[in-house]
Amino acid sequence: MLNVKIIKNPDELNMTTPHEITHLLWGTRSIPRTYVYIGFVPGDGFYVRMVCEEKDPRRTYTEPQDPVYQDSAMEAFLLFSHDGQAPGTYLNFEINANGALLAAYGPNRTYRSYFSPEEFRHFRPAAEVKEDHWSASVHIPLSILEHIYGPLDLKKGSTFYCNFYKISESQDIEHYAAYAPISSPVPSFHMPEYFAESVLE
C-alpha cells in the first residue's frame, strides 16, 4: 500500500515521504537513485515531483507530446477506477529534464486519448537540472480527473492506483525501473494490473 499525503498546498509536497523506484526490469542492472513525492490538495488535485540523482541526463526533446521516453525520463501513471480483470482508464505523465511532457489517458497502451492544449497547460510541467541530480514536476488537476472519471469524492481513506517509472528506450542508455514490480516478459509500463494500491491519508 502506497500512502499519499493530503496536503494544504503544493509547498508542503517536499515534506511528504518520498517513494523510491527500486524494481529493475527487463535486464536493467542499475539506475541512478530515483524517488517520487506525491500529494493531494483537496479541491485542487495531485502534485507530483520526481527526482533522479543523475548527472547530465539525456534531454533532446523539448515540445509537448514528444517521445520523451527516448531521453532519460521519469513517469507517473495513475488510475482512479478498478474493476477486477478490467482495470479501466489510466493516465500517463512522462517527462524529461527539459520539462517536455507526454500525457494521455485510456484503457491500454494502444488506445490513448490526448489532452487539448488548454487542458495541457493546467499540468504546468517543469524540470530543473542541477550538477548532481535533476527533478521534474507536474500538477494533475481534479477538474481534469473528474472530466475523465466523473465525480471522485477524494478524501481521507480514498483509494486509487499508481506506478512510477525511470526509463530510456534509447539503446545506448536503455533502462527500465518501477516503483511497483511488473511481472511481464515484454517491456511495457502500460500494465495497470501491476499498479500499486494507494490510499489518501
N, C-alpha and C. Protein backbone atom coordinates (compact mmCIF):
# COMPACT_ATOMS: atom_id res chain seq x y z
N MET A 1 0.85 -1.20 0.00
CA MET A 1 0.00 0.00 0.00
C MET A 1 0.88 1.24 0.00
N LEU A 2 0.62 2.15 -0.92
CA LEU A 2 1.34 3.41 -1.02
C LEU A 2 0.48 4.49 -0.37
N ASN A 3 1.02 5.15 0.65
CA ASN A 3 0.28 6.20 1.34
C ASN A 3 0.56 7.55 0.70
N VAL A 4 -0.50 8.24 0.32
CA VAL A 4 -0.39 9.55 -0.32
C VAL A 4 -0.96 10.60 0.63
N LYS A 5 -0.14 11.56 0.97
CA LYS A 5 -0.50 12.56 1.97
C LYS A 5 -1.47 13.59 1.40
N ILE A 6 -2.48 13.92 2.18
CA ILE A 6 -3.32 15.08 1.89
C ILE A 6 -2.59 16.31 2.41
N ILE A 7 -2.33 17.27 1.53
CA ILE A 7 -1.57 18.46 1.91
C ILE A 7 -2.43 19.71 1.70
N LYS A 8 -2.03 20.80 2.34
CA LYS A 8 -2.81 22.03 2.25
C LYS A 8 -2.48 22.81 0.99
N ASN A 9 -1.22 22.71 0.54
CA ASN A 9 -0.79 23.45 -0.65
C ASN A 9 0.45 22.76 -1.21
N PRO A 10 0.82 23.07 -2.44
CA PRO A 10 1.96 22.38 -3.06
C PRO A 10 3.28 22.62 -2.37
N ASP A 11 3.40 23.70 -1.57
CA ASP A 11 4.64 23.95 -0.85
C ASP A 11 4.95 22.85 0.16
N GLU A 12 3.92 22.09 0.58
CA GLU A 12 4.12 21.02 1.56
C GLU A 12 4.57 19.71 0.91
N LEU A 13 4.65 19.68 -0.42
CA LEU A 13 4.94 18.43 -1.11
C LEU A 13 6.27 17.82 -0.68
N ASN A 14 7.30 18.65 -0.57
CA ASN A 14 8.63 18.14 -0.23
C ASN A 14 8.74 17.68 1.22
N MET A 15 7.70 17.90 2.02
CA MET A 15 7.69 17.41 3.40
C MET A 15 7.04 16.03 3.49
N THR A 16 6.53 15.53 2.37
CA THR A 16 5.95 14.19 2.37
C THR A 16 7.05 13.15 2.22
N THR A 17 6.71 11.89 2.48
CA THR A 17 7.69 10.81 2.39
C THR A 17 7.92 10.45 0.93
N PRO A 18 9.17 10.43 0.47
CA PRO A 18 9.43 10.05 -0.93
C PRO A 18 9.26 8.54 -1.12
N HIS A 19 8.84 8.17 -2.33
CA HIS A 19 8.65 6.77 -2.70
C HIS A 19 9.73 6.44 -3.73
N GLU A 20 10.59 5.48 -3.42
CA GLU A 20 11.76 5.21 -4.25
C GLU A 20 11.45 4.17 -5.32
N ILE A 21 11.99 4.39 -6.51
CA ILE A 21 11.86 3.47 -7.63
C ILE A 21 13.03 2.49 -7.56
N THR A 22 12.75 1.24 -7.19
CA THR A 22 13.83 0.29 -6.92
C THR A 22 13.75 -1.01 -7.71
N HIS A 23 12.63 -1.28 -8.39
CA HIS A 23 12.50 -2.55 -9.09
C HIS A 23 13.07 -2.44 -10.50
N LEU A 24 14.22 -3.07 -10.71
CA LEU A 24 14.89 -3.05 -12.01
C LEU A 24 14.26 -4.12 -12.90
N LEU A 25 13.99 -3.75 -14.17
CA LEU A 25 13.19 -4.60 -15.04
C LEU A 25 13.90 -4.85 -16.37
N TRP A 26 13.62 -6.01 -16.94
CA TRP A 26 13.97 -6.36 -18.33
C TRP A 26 15.46 -6.16 -18.62
N GLY A 27 16.28 -6.72 -17.74
CA GLY A 27 17.72 -6.71 -17.95
C GLY A 27 18.45 -5.50 -17.43
N THR A 28 17.72 -4.54 -16.86
CA THR A 28 18.37 -3.35 -16.29
C THR A 28 19.21 -3.75 -15.09
N ARG A 29 20.47 -3.33 -15.08
CA ARG A 29 21.38 -3.68 -13.98
C ARG A 29 21.42 -2.62 -12.88
N SER A 30 21.23 -1.37 -13.27
CA SER A 30 21.26 -0.30 -12.26
C SER A 30 20.64 0.96 -12.85
N ILE A 31 20.17 1.83 -11.97
CA ILE A 31 19.73 3.17 -12.35
C ILE A 31 20.23 4.14 -11.28
N PRO A 32 20.34 5.42 -11.60
CA PRO A 32 20.60 6.38 -10.54
C PRO A 32 19.43 6.38 -9.55
N ARG A 33 19.71 6.70 -8.30
CA ARG A 33 18.63 6.75 -7.30
C ARG A 33 17.53 7.69 -7.79
N THR A 34 16.31 7.18 -7.76
CA THR A 34 15.16 7.93 -8.28
C THR A 34 14.00 7.79 -7.29
N TYR A 35 13.37 8.90 -6.97
CA TYR A 35 12.29 8.86 -5.98
C TYR A 35 11.24 9.92 -6.32
N VAL A 36 10.05 9.72 -5.75
CA VAL A 36 8.87 10.49 -6.14
C VAL A 36 8.17 11.03 -4.89
N TYR A 37 7.78 12.29 -4.97
CA TYR A 37 6.89 12.88 -3.98
C TYR A 37 5.52 13.06 -4.64
N ILE A 38 4.46 12.66 -3.94
CA ILE A 38 3.11 12.87 -4.45
C ILE A 38 2.21 13.30 -3.30
N GLY A 39 1.41 14.32 -3.54
CA GLY A 39 0.49 14.81 -2.54
C GLY A 39 -0.81 15.26 -3.19
N PHE A 40 -1.88 15.31 -2.39
CA PHE A 40 -3.20 15.68 -2.90
C PHE A 40 -3.70 16.89 -2.12
N VAL A 41 -4.07 17.94 -2.84
CA VAL A 41 -4.69 19.13 -2.25
C VAL A 41 -6.19 19.06 -2.52
N PRO A 42 -7.03 18.91 -1.51
CA PRO A 42 -8.48 18.79 -1.72
C PRO A 42 -9.02 19.96 -2.53
N GLY A 43 -9.88 19.64 -3.49
CA GLY A 43 -10.48 20.65 -4.34
C GLY A 43 -9.57 21.16 -5.44
N ASP A 44 -8.31 20.76 -5.43
CA ASP A 44 -7.32 21.25 -6.40
C ASP A 44 -6.82 20.10 -7.26
N GLY A 45 -6.16 19.11 -6.66
CA GLY A 45 -5.65 17.99 -7.44
C GLY A 45 -4.37 17.44 -6.85
N PHE A 46 -3.68 16.66 -7.65
CA PHE A 46 -2.45 16.00 -7.24
C PHE A 46 -1.23 16.80 -7.70
N TYR A 47 -0.21 16.77 -6.88
CA TYR A 47 1.09 17.34 -7.23
C TYR A 47 2.11 16.22 -7.17
N VAL A 48 2.91 16.09 -8.22
CA VAL A 48 3.93 15.05 -8.31
C VAL A 48 5.27 15.72 -8.60
N ARG A 49 6.26 15.34 -7.81
CA ARG A 49 7.64 15.79 -8.06
C ARG A 49 8.53 14.57 -8.05
N MET A 50 9.29 14.38 -9.13
CA MET A 50 10.16 13.22 -9.27
C MET A 50 11.61 13.70 -9.33
N VAL A 51 12.49 12.98 -8.65
CA VAL A 51 13.89 13.37 -8.53
C VAL A 51 14.77 12.20 -8.94
N CYS A 52 15.78 12.47 -9.76
CA CYS A 52 16.74 11.45 -10.17
C CYS A 52 18.16 11.97 -9.94
N GLU A 53 18.95 11.19 -9.20
CA GLU A 53 20.34 11.57 -8.90
C GLU A 53 21.24 11.15 -10.07
N GLU A 54 21.01 11.82 -11.17
CA GLU A 54 21.68 11.52 -12.44
C GLU A 54 22.34 12.79 -12.95
N LYS A 55 23.61 12.70 -13.31
CA LYS A 55 24.32 13.84 -13.86
C LYS A 55 24.11 13.90 -15.37
N ASP A 56 23.88 15.09 -15.86
CA ASP A 56 23.78 15.33 -17.30
C ASP A 56 22.83 14.35 -18.00
N PRO A 57 21.55 14.35 -17.62
CA PRO A 57 20.60 13.43 -18.25
C PRO A 57 20.38 13.76 -19.72
N ARG A 58 20.14 12.74 -20.51
CA ARG A 58 19.83 12.98 -21.93
C ARG A 58 18.51 13.72 -22.02
N ARG A 59 18.51 14.81 -22.79
CA ARG A 59 17.30 15.65 -22.89
C ARG A 59 17.28 16.34 -24.25
N THR A 60 16.88 15.60 -25.25
CA THR A 60 16.86 16.13 -26.61
C THR A 60 15.50 16.70 -26.99
N TYR A 61 14.42 16.19 -26.40
CA TYR A 61 13.08 16.61 -26.79
C TYR A 61 12.62 17.81 -25.97
N THR A 62 11.88 18.71 -26.62
CA THR A 62 11.52 19.98 -25.98
C THR A 62 10.03 20.32 -26.04
N GLU A 63 9.25 19.60 -26.85
CA GLU A 63 7.87 20.00 -27.11
C GLU A 63 6.87 19.08 -26.41
N PRO A 64 5.67 19.61 -26.10
CA PRO A 64 4.62 18.76 -25.55
C PRO A 64 4.34 17.56 -26.47
N GLN A 65 4.14 16.40 -25.86
CA GLN A 65 3.81 15.14 -26.53
C GLN A 65 4.96 14.56 -27.36
N ASP A 66 6.18 15.10 -27.18
CA ASP A 66 7.35 14.47 -27.79
C ASP A 66 7.60 13.10 -27.13
N PRO A 67 8.29 12.19 -27.81
CA PRO A 67 8.58 10.85 -27.25
C PRO A 67 9.72 10.90 -26.24
N VAL A 68 9.44 11.50 -25.09
CA VAL A 68 10.49 11.76 -24.09
C VAL A 68 11.06 10.47 -23.50
N TYR A 69 10.36 9.34 -23.65
CA TYR A 69 10.86 8.06 -23.15
C TYR A 69 12.11 7.61 -23.89
N GLN A 70 12.45 8.28 -24.99
CA GLN A 70 13.71 8.01 -25.67
C GLN A 70 14.87 8.80 -25.07
N ASP A 71 14.55 9.84 -24.31
CA ASP A 71 15.54 10.53 -23.50
C ASP A 71 15.67 9.78 -22.17
N SER A 72 16.32 10.42 -21.20
CA SER A 72 16.21 9.96 -19.81
C SER A 72 14.94 10.58 -19.27
N ALA A 73 13.99 9.73 -18.84
CA ALA A 73 12.68 10.24 -18.43
C ALA A 73 12.23 9.60 -17.12
N MET A 74 11.33 10.32 -16.44
CA MET A 74 10.62 9.79 -15.28
C MET A 74 9.13 9.87 -15.59
N GLU A 75 8.37 8.92 -15.03
CA GLU A 75 6.97 8.80 -15.42
C GLU A 75 6.09 8.50 -14.22
N ALA A 76 4.87 9.02 -14.27
CA ALA A 76 3.85 8.72 -13.26
C ALA A 76 2.59 8.28 -13.98
N PHE A 77 2.08 7.11 -13.62
CA PHE A 77 0.83 6.58 -14.18
C PHE A 77 -0.17 6.46 -13.04
N LEU A 78 -1.40 6.94 -13.25
CA LEU A 78 -2.43 6.93 -12.21
C LEU A 78 -3.74 6.39 -12.76
N LEU A 79 -4.48 5.69 -11.89
CA LEU A 79 -5.76 5.09 -12.27
C LEU A 79 -6.74 5.28 -11.12
N PHE A 80 -7.95 5.74 -11.44
CA PHE A 80 -8.93 6.05 -10.41
C PHE A 80 -10.21 5.22 -10.53
N SER A 81 -10.14 4.13 -11.29
CA SER A 81 -11.24 3.16 -11.29
C SER A 81 -10.63 1.79 -11.47
N HIS A 82 -11.22 0.79 -10.83
CA HIS A 82 -10.62 -0.54 -10.87
C HIS A 82 -11.74 -1.56 -10.72
N ASP A 83 -11.82 -2.48 -11.68
CA ASP A 83 -12.92 -3.44 -11.67
C ASP A 83 -12.40 -4.83 -12.06
N GLY A 84 -11.73 -5.46 -11.11
CA GLY A 84 -11.28 -6.84 -11.33
C GLY A 84 -10.37 -6.97 -12.54
N GLN A 85 -10.81 -7.73 -13.54
CA GLN A 85 -9.99 -8.00 -14.72
C GLN A 85 -9.99 -6.85 -15.73
N ALA A 86 -10.84 -5.87 -15.53
CA ALA A 86 -10.90 -4.73 -16.45
C ALA A 86 -10.52 -3.46 -15.69
N PRO A 87 -9.22 -3.16 -15.61
CA PRO A 87 -8.77 -2.07 -14.74
C PRO A 87 -9.34 -0.70 -15.08
N GLY A 88 -9.68 -0.45 -16.35
CA GLY A 88 -10.26 0.84 -16.69
C GLY A 88 -9.23 1.84 -17.19
N THR A 89 -9.67 3.08 -17.26
CA THR A 89 -8.85 4.15 -17.83
C THR A 89 -7.79 4.61 -16.85
N TYR A 90 -6.57 4.80 -17.35
CA TYR A 90 -5.49 5.34 -16.54
C TYR A 90 -4.81 6.46 -17.30
N LEU A 91 -4.08 7.31 -16.56
CA LEU A 91 -3.38 8.45 -17.14
C LEU A 91 -1.88 8.20 -17.08
N ASN A 92 -1.16 8.62 -18.11
CA ASN A 92 0.30 8.57 -18.11
C ASN A 92 0.88 9.97 -18.26
N PHE A 93 1.87 10.25 -17.41
CA PHE A 93 2.61 11.51 -17.45
C PHE A 93 4.09 11.17 -17.52
N GLU A 94 4.73 11.51 -18.64
CA GLU A 94 6.12 11.15 -18.91
C GLU A 94 6.89 12.44 -19.20
N ILE A 95 8.00 12.65 -18.49
CA ILE A 95 8.66 13.95 -18.57
C ILE A 95 10.17 13.79 -18.56
N ASN A 96 10.84 14.65 -19.33
CA ASN A 96 12.31 14.62 -19.37
C ASN A 96 12.87 15.84 -18.65
N ALA A 97 14.19 15.99 -18.70
CA ALA A 97 14.86 17.05 -17.96
C ALA A 97 14.70 18.42 -18.60
N ASN A 98 14.10 18.50 -19.78
CA ASN A 98 13.72 19.78 -20.37
C ASN A 98 12.33 20.23 -19.92
N GLY A 99 11.63 19.36 -19.21
CA GLY A 99 10.24 19.66 -18.85
C GLY A 99 9.27 19.36 -19.97
N ALA A 100 9.72 18.66 -21.01
CA ALA A 100 8.80 18.24 -22.08
C ALA A 100 7.94 17.09 -21.55
N LEU A 101 6.64 17.22 -21.68
CA LEU A 101 5.70 16.28 -21.09
C LEU A 101 4.91 15.54 -22.17
N LEU A 102 4.85 14.24 -22.02
CA LEU A 102 3.96 13.39 -22.82
C LEU A 102 2.85 12.93 -21.88
N ALA A 103 1.61 13.24 -22.20
CA ALA A 103 0.49 12.92 -21.32
C ALA A 103 -0.70 12.45 -22.14
N ALA A 104 -1.38 11.42 -21.65
CA ALA A 104 -2.55 10.88 -22.33
C ALA A 104 -3.34 10.04 -21.34
N TYR A 105 -4.49 9.51 -21.81
CA TYR A 105 -5.27 8.61 -20.96
C TYR A 105 -6.01 7.62 -21.84
N GLY A 106 -6.39 6.51 -21.25
CA GLY A 106 -7.09 5.47 -21.99
C GLY A 106 -7.00 4.14 -21.26
N PRO A 107 -7.59 3.08 -21.84
CA PRO A 107 -7.65 1.78 -21.15
C PRO A 107 -6.42 0.91 -21.35
N ASN A 108 -5.58 1.22 -22.34
CA ASN A 108 -4.39 0.40 -22.58
C ASN A 108 -3.39 1.21 -23.40
N ARG A 109 -2.28 0.56 -23.76
CA ARG A 109 -1.19 1.27 -24.44
C ARG A 109 -1.60 1.77 -25.82
N THR A 110 -2.43 1.01 -26.51
CA THR A 110 -2.78 1.32 -27.90
C THR A 110 -3.82 2.43 -28.01
N TYR A 111 -4.85 2.35 -27.19
CA TYR A 111 -5.97 3.28 -27.31
C TYR A 111 -5.81 4.40 -26.27
N ARG A 112 -5.08 5.45 -26.67
CA ARG A 112 -4.84 6.59 -25.80
C ARG A 112 -5.56 7.82 -26.35
N SER A 113 -6.08 8.63 -25.47
CA SER A 113 -6.66 9.92 -25.82
C SER A 113 -5.73 11.01 -25.33
N TYR A 114 -5.62 12.08 -26.12
CA TYR A 114 -4.68 13.15 -25.79
C TYR A 114 -5.45 14.38 -25.34
N PHE A 115 -4.78 15.19 -24.55
CA PHE A 115 -5.42 16.36 -23.95
C PHE A 115 -5.36 17.54 -24.91
N SER A 116 -6.34 18.41 -24.79
CA SER A 116 -6.35 19.64 -25.58
C SER A 116 -5.23 20.55 -25.09
N PRO A 117 -4.78 21.50 -25.94
CA PRO A 117 -3.76 22.44 -25.48
C PRO A 117 -4.16 23.18 -24.20
N GLU A 118 -5.44 23.52 -24.09
CA GLU A 118 -5.91 24.22 -22.88
C GLU A 118 -5.78 23.32 -21.65
N GLU A 119 -6.20 22.05 -21.78
CA GLU A 119 -6.05 21.12 -20.66
C GLU A 119 -4.58 20.92 -20.33
N PHE A 120 -3.75 20.82 -21.36
CA PHE A 120 -2.33 20.54 -21.16
C PHE A 120 -1.65 21.63 -20.34
N ARG A 121 -2.05 22.87 -20.54
CA ARG A 121 -1.44 23.98 -19.81
C ARG A 121 -1.64 23.83 -18.31
N HIS A 122 -2.75 23.21 -17.91
CA HIS A 122 -3.04 23.06 -16.48
C HIS A 122 -2.09 22.10 -15.79
N PHE A 123 -1.38 21.28 -16.55
CA PHE A 123 -0.43 20.33 -15.94
C PHE A 123 0.84 21.02 -15.44
N ARG A 124 1.14 22.19 -15.99
CA ARG A 124 2.29 23.01 -15.56
C ARG A 124 3.57 22.19 -15.43
N PRO A 125 3.96 21.45 -16.47
CA PRO A 125 5.19 20.65 -16.37
C PRO A 125 6.41 21.54 -16.21
N ALA A 126 7.34 21.10 -15.38
CA ALA A 126 8.57 21.87 -15.15
C ALA A 126 9.69 20.90 -14.81
N ALA A 127 10.90 21.30 -15.09
CA ALA A 127 12.07 20.49 -14.75
C ALA A 127 13.22 21.41 -14.38
N GLU A 128 14.13 20.86 -13.59
CA GLU A 128 15.30 21.61 -13.14
C GLU A 128 16.49 20.65 -13.13
N VAL A 129 17.60 21.10 -13.70
CA VAL A 129 18.82 20.28 -13.75
C VAL A 129 19.88 20.92 -12.86
N LYS A 130 20.35 20.14 -11.90
CA LYS A 130 21.45 20.56 -11.02
C LYS A 130 22.69 19.75 -11.38
N GLU A 131 23.79 20.04 -10.69
CA GLU A 131 25.06 19.37 -11.01
C GLU A 131 24.97 17.85 -10.80
N ASP A 132 24.30 17.43 -9.71
CA ASP A 132 24.30 16.01 -9.37
C ASP A 132 22.93 15.35 -9.40
N HIS A 133 21.89 16.08 -9.85
CA HIS A 133 20.56 15.47 -9.95
C HIS A 133 19.68 16.35 -10.83
N TRP A 134 18.53 15.78 -11.20
CA TRP A 134 17.52 16.58 -11.89
C TRP A 134 16.15 16.22 -11.34
N SER A 135 15.22 17.12 -11.49
CA SER A 135 13.87 16.90 -10.97
C SER A 135 12.84 17.39 -11.98
N ALA A 136 11.66 16.85 -11.87
CA ALA A 136 10.56 17.23 -12.76
C ALA A 136 9.26 17.21 -11.96
N SER A 137 8.35 18.10 -12.31
CA SER A 137 7.10 18.19 -11.57
C SER A 137 5.93 18.38 -12.52
N VAL A 138 4.77 17.95 -12.04
CA VAL A 138 3.53 18.10 -12.81
C VAL A 138 2.36 18.24 -11.84
N HIS A 139 1.40 19.03 -12.24
CA HIS A 139 0.16 19.21 -11.48
C HIS A 139 -0.94 18.47 -12.23
N ILE A 140 -1.72 17.67 -11.51
CA ILE A 140 -2.81 16.91 -12.13
C ILE A 140 -4.12 17.41 -11.53
N PRO A 141 -4.80 18.33 -12.22
CA PRO A 141 -5.98 18.97 -11.64
C PRO A 141 -7.13 17.99 -11.41
N LEU A 142 -7.82 18.19 -10.31
CA LEU A 142 -9.01 17.40 -10.03
C LEU A 142 -10.07 17.58 -11.12
N SER A 143 -10.15 18.79 -11.68
CA SER A 143 -11.16 19.06 -12.72
C SER A 143 -10.94 18.17 -13.95
N ILE A 144 -9.68 17.92 -14.32
CA ILE A 144 -9.40 17.06 -15.47
C ILE A 144 -9.68 15.61 -15.12
N LEU A 145 -9.33 15.19 -13.90
CA LEU A 145 -9.64 13.82 -13.48
C LEU A 145 -11.15 13.56 -13.51
N GLU A 146 -11.91 14.53 -13.03
CA GLU A 146 -13.36 14.33 -12.97
C GLU A 146 -14.00 14.47 -14.35
N HIS A 147 -13.35 15.15 -15.27
CA HIS A 147 -13.82 15.15 -16.65
C HIS A 147 -13.71 13.76 -17.26
N ILE A 148 -12.67 13.03 -16.86
CA ILE A 148 -12.45 11.67 -17.37
C ILE A 148 -13.31 10.66 -16.63
N TYR A 149 -13.33 10.76 -15.30
CA TYR A 149 -13.94 9.71 -14.47
C TYR A 149 -15.33 10.03 -13.94
N GLY A 150 -15.72 11.32 -13.98
CA GLY A 150 -16.90 11.72 -13.23
C GLY A 150 -16.50 12.06 -11.80
N PRO A 151 -17.47 12.39 -10.94
CA PRO A 151 -17.15 12.79 -9.56
C PRO A 151 -16.35 11.70 -8.83
N LEU A 152 -15.28 12.13 -8.15
CA LEU A 152 -14.40 11.17 -7.48
C LEU A 152 -14.54 11.19 -5.96
N ASP A 153 -14.95 12.32 -5.38
CA ASP A 153 -15.13 12.42 -3.92
C ASP A 153 -13.88 11.93 -3.18
N LEU A 154 -12.73 12.45 -3.57
CA LEU A 154 -11.47 12.04 -2.96
C LEU A 154 -11.31 12.68 -1.58
N LYS A 155 -11.05 11.84 -0.59
CA LYS A 155 -10.88 12.30 0.79
C LYS A 155 -10.04 11.28 1.54
N LYS A 156 -9.79 11.53 2.82
CA LYS A 156 -9.02 10.60 3.63
C LYS A 156 -9.62 9.20 3.54
N GLY A 157 -8.78 8.22 3.23
CA GLY A 157 -9.24 6.85 3.08
C GLY A 157 -9.59 6.44 1.66
N SER A 158 -9.70 7.41 0.76
CA SER A 158 -9.98 7.08 -0.64
C SER A 158 -8.80 6.33 -1.24
N THR A 159 -9.09 5.37 -2.11
CA THR A 159 -8.02 4.60 -2.75
C THR A 159 -8.00 4.85 -4.25
N PHE A 160 -6.82 4.71 -4.81
CA PHE A 160 -6.63 4.73 -6.25
C PHE A 160 -5.40 3.88 -6.54
N TYR A 161 -4.92 3.87 -7.78
CA TYR A 161 -3.80 3.01 -8.16
C TYR A 161 -2.78 3.82 -8.94
N CYS A 162 -1.49 3.50 -8.75
CA CYS A 162 -0.47 4.26 -9.47
C CYS A 162 0.82 3.46 -9.55
N ASN A 163 1.69 3.89 -10.44
CA ASN A 163 3.04 3.39 -10.51
C ASN A 163 3.94 4.50 -11.04
N PHE A 164 5.22 4.42 -10.71
CA PHE A 164 6.18 5.42 -11.12
C PHE A 164 7.38 4.72 -11.74
N TYR A 165 7.98 5.37 -12.74
CA TYR A 165 8.99 4.69 -13.54
C TYR A 165 10.19 5.58 -13.84
N LYS A 166 11.32 4.93 -14.08
CA LYS A 166 12.52 5.55 -14.68
C LYS A 166 12.80 4.78 -15.96
N ILE A 167 13.06 5.51 -17.06
CA ILE A 167 13.13 4.85 -18.36
C ILE A 167 14.03 5.59 -19.33
N SER A 168 14.64 4.84 -20.22
CA SER A 168 15.08 5.33 -21.52
C SER A 168 15.00 4.17 -22.49
N GLU A 169 14.39 4.40 -23.64
CA GLU A 169 14.32 3.37 -24.67
C GLU A 169 15.45 3.50 -25.70
N SER A 170 16.32 4.51 -25.54
CA SER A 170 17.46 4.63 -26.44
C SER A 170 18.47 3.53 -26.13
N GLN A 171 18.92 2.84 -27.17
CA GLN A 171 19.67 1.60 -26.99
C GLN A 171 20.94 1.79 -26.17
N ASP A 172 21.63 2.91 -26.37
CA ASP A 172 22.93 3.07 -25.70
C ASP A 172 22.79 3.34 -24.20
N ILE A 173 21.62 3.82 -23.75
CA ILE A 173 21.41 4.04 -22.31
C ILE A 173 20.13 3.35 -21.83
N GLU A 174 19.68 2.34 -22.53
CA GLU A 174 18.38 1.72 -22.26
C GLU A 174 18.29 1.21 -20.83
N HIS A 175 17.19 1.55 -20.17
CA HIS A 175 16.94 1.06 -18.81
C HIS A 175 15.47 1.21 -18.46
N TYR A 176 15.03 0.35 -17.53
CA TYR A 176 13.64 0.34 -17.09
C TYR A 176 13.61 0.04 -15.59
N ALA A 177 12.86 0.81 -14.84
CA ALA A 177 12.69 0.54 -13.42
C ALA A 177 11.34 1.08 -12.98
N ALA A 178 10.78 0.45 -11.93
CA ALA A 178 9.44 0.81 -11.48
C ALA A 178 9.39 0.86 -9.96
N TYR A 179 8.40 1.61 -9.44
CA TYR A 179 8.13 1.60 -8.01
C TYR A 179 7.51 0.26 -7.60
N ALA A 180 6.42 -0.11 -8.27
CA ALA A 180 5.77 -1.40 -8.02
C ALA A 180 6.23 -2.39 -9.08
N PRO A 181 6.59 -3.62 -8.71
CA PRO A 181 7.16 -4.57 -9.67
C PRO A 181 6.16 -4.95 -10.76
N ILE A 182 6.70 -5.29 -11.93
CA ILE A 182 5.90 -5.73 -13.08
C ILE A 182 6.39 -7.11 -13.49
N SER A 183 5.49 -8.07 -13.48
CA SER A 183 5.85 -9.44 -13.86
C SER A 183 5.40 -9.70 -15.30
N SER A 184 6.18 -9.21 -16.23
CA SER A 184 5.87 -9.38 -17.65
C SER A 184 7.17 -9.59 -18.40
N PRO A 185 7.20 -10.54 -19.35
CA PRO A 185 8.42 -10.74 -20.12
C PRO A 185 8.65 -9.65 -21.16
N VAL A 186 7.61 -8.90 -21.48
CA VAL A 186 7.69 -7.87 -22.52
C VAL A 186 7.79 -6.50 -21.87
N PRO A 187 8.79 -5.68 -22.22
CA PRO A 187 8.88 -4.35 -21.63
C PRO A 187 7.66 -3.49 -21.95
N SER A 188 6.93 -3.11 -20.91
CA SER A 188 5.81 -2.18 -21.06
C SER A 188 5.42 -1.67 -19.68
N PHE A 189 5.31 -0.36 -19.56
CA PHE A 189 4.80 0.23 -18.33
C PHE A 189 3.29 0.38 -18.37
N HIS A 190 2.69 0.15 -19.52
CA HIS A 190 1.24 0.31 -19.68
C HIS A 190 0.53 -0.97 -19.22
N MET A 191 0.70 -1.31 -17.95
CA MET A 191 0.13 -2.53 -17.39
C MET A 191 -0.51 -2.19 -16.05
N PRO A 192 -1.73 -1.64 -16.09
CA PRO A 192 -2.37 -1.17 -14.85
C PRO A 192 -2.64 -2.28 -13.84
N GLU A 193 -2.63 -3.53 -14.29
CA GLU A 193 -2.82 -4.62 -13.34
C GLU A 193 -1.69 -4.71 -12.33
N TYR A 194 -0.57 -4.03 -12.60
CA TYR A 194 0.57 -4.03 -11.67
C TYR A 194 0.70 -2.72 -10.91
N PHE A 195 -0.23 -1.80 -11.09
CA PHE A 195 -0.16 -0.54 -10.33
C PHE A 195 -0.30 -0.83 -8.83
N ALA A 196 0.31 0.00 -8.01
CA ALA A 196 0.22 -0.16 -6.56
C ALA A 196 -1.07 0.47 -6.04
N GLU A 197 -1.74 -0.24 -5.14
CA GLU A 197 -2.90 0.36 -4.46
C GLU A 197 -2.41 1.49 -3.57
N SER A 198 -3.11 2.61 -3.62
CA SER A 198 -2.70 3.81 -2.89
C SER A 198 -3.88 4.35 -2.10
N VAL A 199 -3.58 4.96 -0.96
CA VAL A 199 -4.66 5.49 -0.11
C VAL A 199 -4.29 6.90 0.33
N LEU A 200 -5.30 7.79 0.35
CA LEU A 200 -5.10 9.15 0.85
C LEU A 200 -5.14 9.15 2.36
N GLU A 201 -4.15 9.81 2.95
CA GLU A 201 -4.08 9.87 4.42
C GLU A 201 -3.78 11.29 4.89
